[in-house]
Amino acid sequence: MPHTPFIALRRRHLLAAAALPWLTGGARATPVAGGKTITLVVSYPPGGGADLMARLIAPRLAEALGQTVVVENKPGAGGVVAGAQVARG
């Protein structure tokens, strides 16, 4: 089978994807929020599927981390409002 640039590109992407877990190891090792309250920001209005999933996950996350987890809905502008709040910290 001839070696084409497309196959080489696919192989390169596969190798990059395989290396990703080792490259992000430092992020997993950092302590979570230093005892502060964790806020899950949902970019959809209350009562929707995303809100329901966040509210189902929050208690289990709080139990696993030993910290308070709050779900906050910030709908609007296609997620820009929620993204801006998360970026501000």
Protein backbone atom coordinates (compact mmCIF):
# COMPACT_ATOMS: atom_id res chain seq x y z
CA MET A 1 0.00 0.00 0.00
CA PRO A 2 1.49 3.37 -0.97
CA HIS A 3 2.34 5.80 1.80
CA THR A 4 0.22 8.90 1.22
CA PRO A 5 0.35 12.22 3.10
CA PHE A 6 -3.20 11.61 4.35
CA ILE A 7 -2.22 8.36 6.08
CA ALA A 8 0.85 10.01 7.59
CA LEU A 9 -1.32 12.85 8.90
CA ARG A 10 -3.78 10.39 10.46
CA ARG A 11 -0.91 8.53 12.11
CA ARG A 12 0.47 11.81 13.50
CA HIS A 13 -2.93 12.71 14.96
CA LEU A 14 -3.24 9.26 16.52
CA LEU A 15 0.17 9.56 18.15
CA ALA A 16 -0.63 13.05 19.44
CA ALA A 17 -3.92 11.84 20.92
CA ALA A 18 -2.16 8.90 22.58
CA ALA A 19 0.37 11.25 24.20
CA LEU A 20 -2.25 13.62 25.61
CA PRO A 21 -2.93 11.82 28.94
CA TRP A 22 0.76 12.02 29.87
CA LEU A 23 1.02 15.67 28.91
CA THR A 24 -1.89 16.69 31.17
CA GLY A 25 -0.76 14.76 34.25
CA GLY A 26 0.14 17.94 36.16
CA ALA A 27 -3.40 19.27 35.93
CA ARG A 28 -4.80 16.15 37.57
CA ALA A 29 -2.31 16.37 40.44
CA THR A 30 -3.24 19.88 41.57
CA PRO A 31 -5.37 20.25 44.71
CA VAL A 32 -9.04 21.08 44.12
CA ALA A 33 -10.01 24.68 44.97
CA GLY A 34 -8.09 24.73 48.26
CA GLY A 35 -11.19 24.14 50.43
CA LYS A 36 -13.31 26.79 48.70
CA THR A 37 -16.84 26.22 47.44
CA ILE A 38 -16.86 24.78 43.92
CA THR A 39 -19.35 26.37 41.51
CA LEU A 40 -20.59 24.37 38.53
CA VAL A 41 -21.60 26.98 35.96
CA VAL A 42 -24.30 25.74 33.57
CA SER A 43 -24.77 27.79 30.40
CA TYR A 44 -28.42 26.76 30.01
CA PRO A 45 -31.59 27.84 31.87
CA PRO A 46 -32.82 25.95 34.95
CA GLY A 47 -34.99 22.92 34.31
CA GLY A 48 -33.22 21.76 31.15
CA GLY A 49 -31.19 18.64 30.54
CA ALA A 50 -27.83 20.25 31.30
CA ASP A 51 -29.18 21.68 34.56
CA LEU A 52 -30.59 18.30 35.56
CA MET A 53 -27.28 16.56 34.88
CA ALA A 54 -25.31 19.18 36.83
CA ARG A 55 -27.66 18.83 39.80
CA LEU A 56 -27.36 15.04 39.70
CA ILE A 57 -23.55 15.20 39.55
CA ALA A 58 -23.06 17.94 42.18
CA PRO A 59 -23.82 15.87 45.33
CA ARG A 60 -21.59 13.01 44.23
CA LEU A 61 -18.81 15.42 43.32
CA ALA A 62 -19.14 17.11 46.72
CA GLU A 63 -18.96 13.76 48.47
CA ALA A 64 -15.94 12.61 46.47
CA LEU A 65 -14.01 15.86 46.99
CA GLY A 66 -15.21 16.66 50.50
CA GLN A 67 -16.17 20.18 49.47
CA THR A 68 -19.36 22.14 48.89
CA VAL A 69 -20.53 22.17 45.26
CA VAL A 70 -23.05 24.78 44.03
CA VAL A 71 -24.81 24.71 40.64
CA GLU A 72 -25.27 28.15 39.08
CA ASN A 73 -27.19 28.73 35.84
CA LYS A 74 -25.95 31.51 33.52
CA PRO A 75 -27.94 31.23 30.27
CA GLY A 76 -27.51 33.64 27.41
CA ALA A 77 -25.46 34.53 24.35
CA GLY A 78 -24.82 30.92 23.40
CA GLY A 79 -22.73 30.23 26.50
CA VAL A 80 -20.69 33.45 26.35
CA VAL A 81 -22.15 34.72 29.64
CA ALA A 82 -21.24 31.51 31.46
CA GLY A 83 -17.82 31.39 29.80
CA ALA A 84 -17.07 34.95 30.84
CA GLN A 85 -17.95 34.17 34.46
CA VAL A 86 -15.73 31.09 34.47
CA ALA A 87 -12.88 33.09 32.91
CA ARG A 88 -13.16 35.72 35.66
CA GLY A 89 -12.82 33.02 38.26
